[in-house]
C-alpha atoms as a PDB file:
ATOM      1  CA  GLN A   1     215.961 -77.154 -91.451  1.00  0.00           C
ATOM      2  CA  VAL A   2     218.981 -79.113 -90.124  1.00  0.00           C
ATOM      3  CA  GLN A   3     219.484 -80.034 -86.582  1.00  0.00           C
ATOM      4  CA  LEU A   4     222.787 -80.894 -85.154  1.00  0.00           C
ATOM      5  CA  VAL A   5     223.556 -82.347 -81.724  1.00  0.00           C
ATOM      6  CA  GLU A   6     227.201 -82.736 -80.438  1.00  0.00           C
ATOM      7  CA  SER A   7     228.331 -85.245 -77.805  1.00  0.00           C
ATOM      8  CA  GLY A   8     231.471 -86.888 -76.453  1.00  0.00           C
ATOM      9  CA  GLY A   9     233.148 -84.052 -74.701  1.00  0.00           C
ATOM     10  CA  GLY A  10     234.614 -84.244 -71.294  1.00  0.00           C
ATOM     11  CA  LEU A  11     237.694 -83.908 -69.113  1.00  0.00           C
ATOM     12  CA  VAL A  12     240.888 -85.694 -70.314  1.00  0.00           C
ATOM     13  CA  GLN A  13     244.564 -85.484 -69.267  1.00  0.00           C
ATOM     14  CA  ALA A  14     247.133 -84.085 -71.697  1.00  0.00           C
ATOM     15  CA  GLY A  15     248.128 -86.810 -74.128  1.00  0.00           C
ATOM     16  CA  GLY A  16     244.767 -88.435 -73.929  1.00  0.00           C
ATOM     17  CA  SER A  17     241.992 -88.888 -76.536  1.00  0.00           C
ATOM     18  CA  LEU A  18     238.416 -88.256 -77.064  1.00  0.00           C
ATOM     19  CA  ARG A  19     236.031 -88.799 -79.905  1.00  0.00           C
ATOM     20  CA  LEU A  20     233.271 -86.157 -80.643  1.00  0.00           C
ATOM     21  CA  SER A  21     230.111 -86.982 -82.373  1.00  0.00           C
ATOM     22  CA  CYS A  22     227.655 -84.805 -84.311  1.00  0.00           C
ATOM     23  CA  ALA A  23     224.292 -86.370 -85.049  1.00  0.00           C
ATOM     24  CA  VAL A  24     222.650 -84.591 -88.041  1.00  0.00           C
ATOM     25  CA  SER A  25     218.828 -84.710 -88.524  1.00  0.00           C
ATOM     26  CA  GLY A  26     216.267 -82.946 -90.761  1.00  0.00           C
ATOM     27  CA  ARG A  27     217.326 -82.121 -94.323  1.00  0.00           C
ATOM     28  CA  THR A  28     220.465 -84.116 -94.126  1.00  0.00           C
ATOM     29  CA  SER A  29     220.819 -84.558 -97.982  1.00  0.00           C
ATOM     30  CA  SER A  30     221.130 -80.726 -98.144  1.00  0.00           C
ATOM     31  CA  THR A  31     224.386 -80.698 -96.291  1.00  0.00           C
ATOM     32  CA  TYR A  32     227.409 -80.394 -98.575  1.00  0.00           C
ATOM     33  CA  ALA A  33     230.073 -80.028 -95.805  1.00  0.00           C
ATOM     34  CA  MET A  34     230.271 -80.512 -92.192  1.00  0.00           C
ATOM     35  CA  GLY A  35     232.859 -78.741 -89.977  1.00  0.00           C
ATOM     36  CA  TRP A  36     234.100 -78.667 -86.352  1.00  0.00           C
ATOM     37  CA  PHE A  37     235.063 -75.498 -84.853  1.00  0.00           C
ATOM     38  CA  ARG A  38     236.020 -74.492 -81.289  1.00  0.00           C
ATOM     39  CA  GLN A  39     235.793 -71.496 -79.061  1.00  0.00           C
ATOM     40  CA  ALA A  40     237.928 -70.955 -75.958  1.00  0.00           C
ATOM     41  CA  PRO A  41     236.957 -68.322 -73.356  1.00  0.00           C
ATOM     42  CA  GLY A  42     237.683 -64.921 -74.558  1.00  0.00           C
ATOM     43  CA  LYS A  43     238.643 -66.011 -78.108  1.00  0.00           C
ATOM     44  CA  GLU A  44     236.858 -66.151 -81.318  1.00  0.00           C
ATOM     45  CA  ARG A  45     235.397 -69.320 -82.874  1.00  0.00           C
ATOM     46  CA  GLU A  46     238.154 -71.019 -84.888  1.00  0.00           C
ATOM     47  CA  PHE A  47     238.210 -73.670 -87.536  1.00  0.00           C
ATOM     48  CA  VAL A  48     239.300 -77.168 -86.570  1.00  0.00           C
ATOM     49  CA  ALA A  49     238.420 -79.524 -89.327  1.00  0.00           C
ATOM     50  CA  ALA A  50     235.823 -80.062 -92.101  1.00  0.00           C
ATOM     51  CA  ILE A  51     234.627 -82.865 -94.463  1.00  0.00           C
ATOM     52  CA  MET A  52     232.670 -83.040 -97.615  1.00  0.00           C
ATOM     53  CA  ARG A  53     229.462 -85.096 -97.292  1.00  0.00           C
ATOM     54  CA  SER A  54     229.705 -86.908-100.604  1.00  0.00           C
ATOM     55  CA  ILE A  55     233.280 -87.211-101.719  1.00  0.00           C
ATOM     56  CA  GLY A  56     234.947 -87.145 -98.316  1.00  0.00           C
ATOM     57  CA  GLY A  57     237.480 -84.456 -99.040  1.00  0.00           C
ATOM     58  CA  THR A  58     238.854 -83.082 -95.663  1.00  0.00           C
ATOM     59  CA  ARG A  59     240.616 -79.918 -94.309  1.00  0.00           C
ATOM     60  CA  TYR A  60     242.324 -79.347 -90.992  1.00  0.00           C
ATOM     61  CA  ALA A  61     243.712 -76.544 -88.999  1.00  0.00           C
ATOM     62  CA  ASP A  62     247.551 -76.531 -88.808  1.00  0.00           C
ATOM     63  CA  SER A  63     247.355 -76.795 -85.112  1.00  0.00           C
ATOM     64  CA  VAL A  64     245.458 -80.118 -85.123  1.00  0.00           C
ATOM     65  CA  LYS A  65     246.995 -81.815 -88.257  1.00  0.00           C
ATOM     66  CA  GLY A  66     248.407 -85.339 -87.397  1.00  0.00           C
ATOM     67  CA  ARG A  67     246.417 -85.394 -84.025  1.00  0.00           C
ATOM     68  CA  PHE A  68     242.700 -85.014 -85.137  1.00  0.00           C
ATOM     69  CA  THR A  69     240.821 -86.959 -87.587  1.00  0.00           C
ATOM     70  CA  ILE A  70     237.340 -86.005 -89.109  1.00  0.00           C
ATOM     71  CA  SER A  71     235.163 -88.710 -90.517  1.00  0.00           C
ATOM     72  CA  ARG A  72     231.597 -89.258 -91.353  1.00  0.00           C
ATOM     73  CA  ASP A  73     229.068 -92.063 -91.502  1.00  0.00           C
ATOM     74  CA  ASN A  74     226.363 -90.984 -93.895  1.00  0.00           C
ATOM     75  CA  ALA A  75     224.182 -94.103 -93.176  1.00  0.00           C
ATOM     76  CA  LYS A  76     224.148 -92.901 -89.537  1.00  0.00           C
ATOM     77  CA  ASN A  77     223.962 -89.162 -90.494  1.00  0.00           C
ATOM     78  CA  THR A  78     226.885 -88.618 -88.027  1.00  0.00           C
ATOM     79  CA  VAL A  79     230.118 -86.796 -88.184  1.00  0.00           C
ATOM     80  CA  TYR A  80     233.108 -87.636 -85.771  1.00  0.00           C
ATOM     81  CA  LEU A  81     236.082 -85.882 -84.640  1.00  0.00           C
ATOM     82  CA  GLN A  82     238.745 -88.222 -83.194  1.00  0.00           C
ATOM     83  CA  MET A  83     241.089 -86.293 -81.141  1.00  0.00           C
ATOM     84  CA  ASN A  84     244.409 -87.783 -79.992  1.00  0.00           C
ATOM     85  CA  SER A  85     247.489 -86.445 -78.323  1.00  0.00           C
ATOM     86  CA  LEU A  86     245.334 -83.778 -76.661  1.00  0.00           C
ATOM     87  CA  LYS A  87     247.004 -80.596 -75.233  1.00  0.00           C
ATOM     88  CA  PRO A  88     245.742 -78.061 -72.694  1.00  0.00           C
ATOM     89  CA  GLU A  89     245.526 -75.529 -75.524  1.00  0.00           C
ATOM     90  CA  ASP A  90     242.830 -77.817 -77.140  1.00  0.00           C
ATOM     91  CA  THR A  91     240.429 -76.738 -74.271  1.00  0.00           C
ATOM     92  CA  ALA A  92     237.315 -75.159 -75.737  1.00  0.00           C
ATOM     93  CA  VAL A  93     233.828 -75.637 -76.506  1.00  0.00           C
ATOM     94  CA  TYR A  94     233.617 -77.712 -79.790  1.00  0.00           C
ATOM     95  CA  TYR A  95     230.725 -76.885 -82.236  1.00  0.00           C
ATOM     96  CA  CYS A  96     229.612 -78.842 -85.245  1.00  0.00           C
ATOM     97  CA  GLY A  97     228.384 -76.789 -88.292  1.00  0.00           C
ATOM     98  CA  ALA A  98     226.612 -77.690 -91.519  1.00  0.00           C
ATOM     99  CA  ASP A  99     227.201 -75.990 -94.776  1.00  0.00           C
ATOM    100  CA  LEU A 100     224.311 -76.083 -97.367  1.00  0.00           C
ATOM    101  CA  THR A 101     226.156 -74.295-100.141  1.00  0.00           C
ATOM    102  CA  PRO A 102     227.549 -76.587-102.941  1.00  0.00           C
ATOM    103  CA  SER A 103     231.362 -76.546-103.314  1.00  0.00           C
ATOM    104  CA  TYR A 104     234.326 -78.718-104.057  1.00  0.00           C
ATOM    105  CA  LEU A 105     236.165 -78.061-100.775  1.00  0.00           C
ATOM    106  CA  PRO A 106     234.813 -77.618 -97.304  1.00  0.00           C
ATOM    107  CA  THR A 107     235.011 -74.058 -96.227  1.00  0.00           C
ATOM    108  CA  THR A 108     237.034 -73.011 -93.033  1.00  0.00           C
ATOM    109  CA  ARG A 109     235.063 -69.882 -92.525  1.00  0.00           C
ATOM    110  CA  SER A 110     232.467 -70.087 -89.643  1.00  0.00           C
ATOM    111  CA  TYR A 111     230.213 -67.454 -91.292  1.00  0.00           C
ATOM    112  CA  GLU A 112     229.612 -69.721 -94.256  1.00  0.00           C
ATOM    113  CA  TYR A 113     228.069 -72.423 -92.115  1.00  0.00           C
ATOM    114  CA  ASP A 114     224.208 -72.370 -92.023  1.00  0.00           C
ATOM    115  CA  TYR A 115     223.532 -74.361 -88.952  1.00  0.00           C
ATOM    116  CA  TRP A 116     225.255 -75.035 -85.650  1.00  0.00           C
ATOM    117  CA  GLY A 117     224.886 -77.433 -82.716  1.00  0.00           C
ATOM    118  CA  GLN A 118     224.873 -76.378 -79.141  1.00  0.00           C
ATOM    119  CA  GLY A 119     228.384 -77.257 -78.522  1.00  0.00           C
ATOM    120  CA  THR A 120     230.294 -79.736 -76.313  1.00  0.00           C
ATOM    121  CA  GLN A 121     232.906 -78.899 -73.704  1.00  0.00           C
ATOM    122  CA  VAL A 122     236.402 -80.331 -74.025  1.00  0.00           C
ATOM    123  CA  THR A 123     238.773 -79.694 -71.211  1.00  0.00           C
ATOM    124  CA  VAL A 124     242.449 -80.939 -71.231  1.00  0.00           C
ATOM    125  CA  SER A 125     244.275 -80.920 -67.966  1.00  0.00           C
ATOM    126  CA  SER A 126     248.062 -80.552 -67.806  1.00  0.00           C
END
């Protein structure tokens, strides 16, 4: 079992920044990749960014490239999502996911993630 707890969401004006955290507990050594996804009201959950646990390879959605940065601190079992230059369209509930399947690159498909956190709300005002 793996438990994920997100934090760091909130209300910010357009152009501002937030840093989300995802604390991982349980079978942390079994996680091969960690991903951030988001879901806006009435929309499907969409990929934002992901990172491999051991080698640090990353992937980003085109919509956030150059603005968001994913990182991890394995000693603290925490994954971060630094979000800069936020836009109103970034408003969503952000979820952290853990993928336990061995791979060379982190997956962008939500159904391939085995565990999820409860989500944290990010609201960007214009």
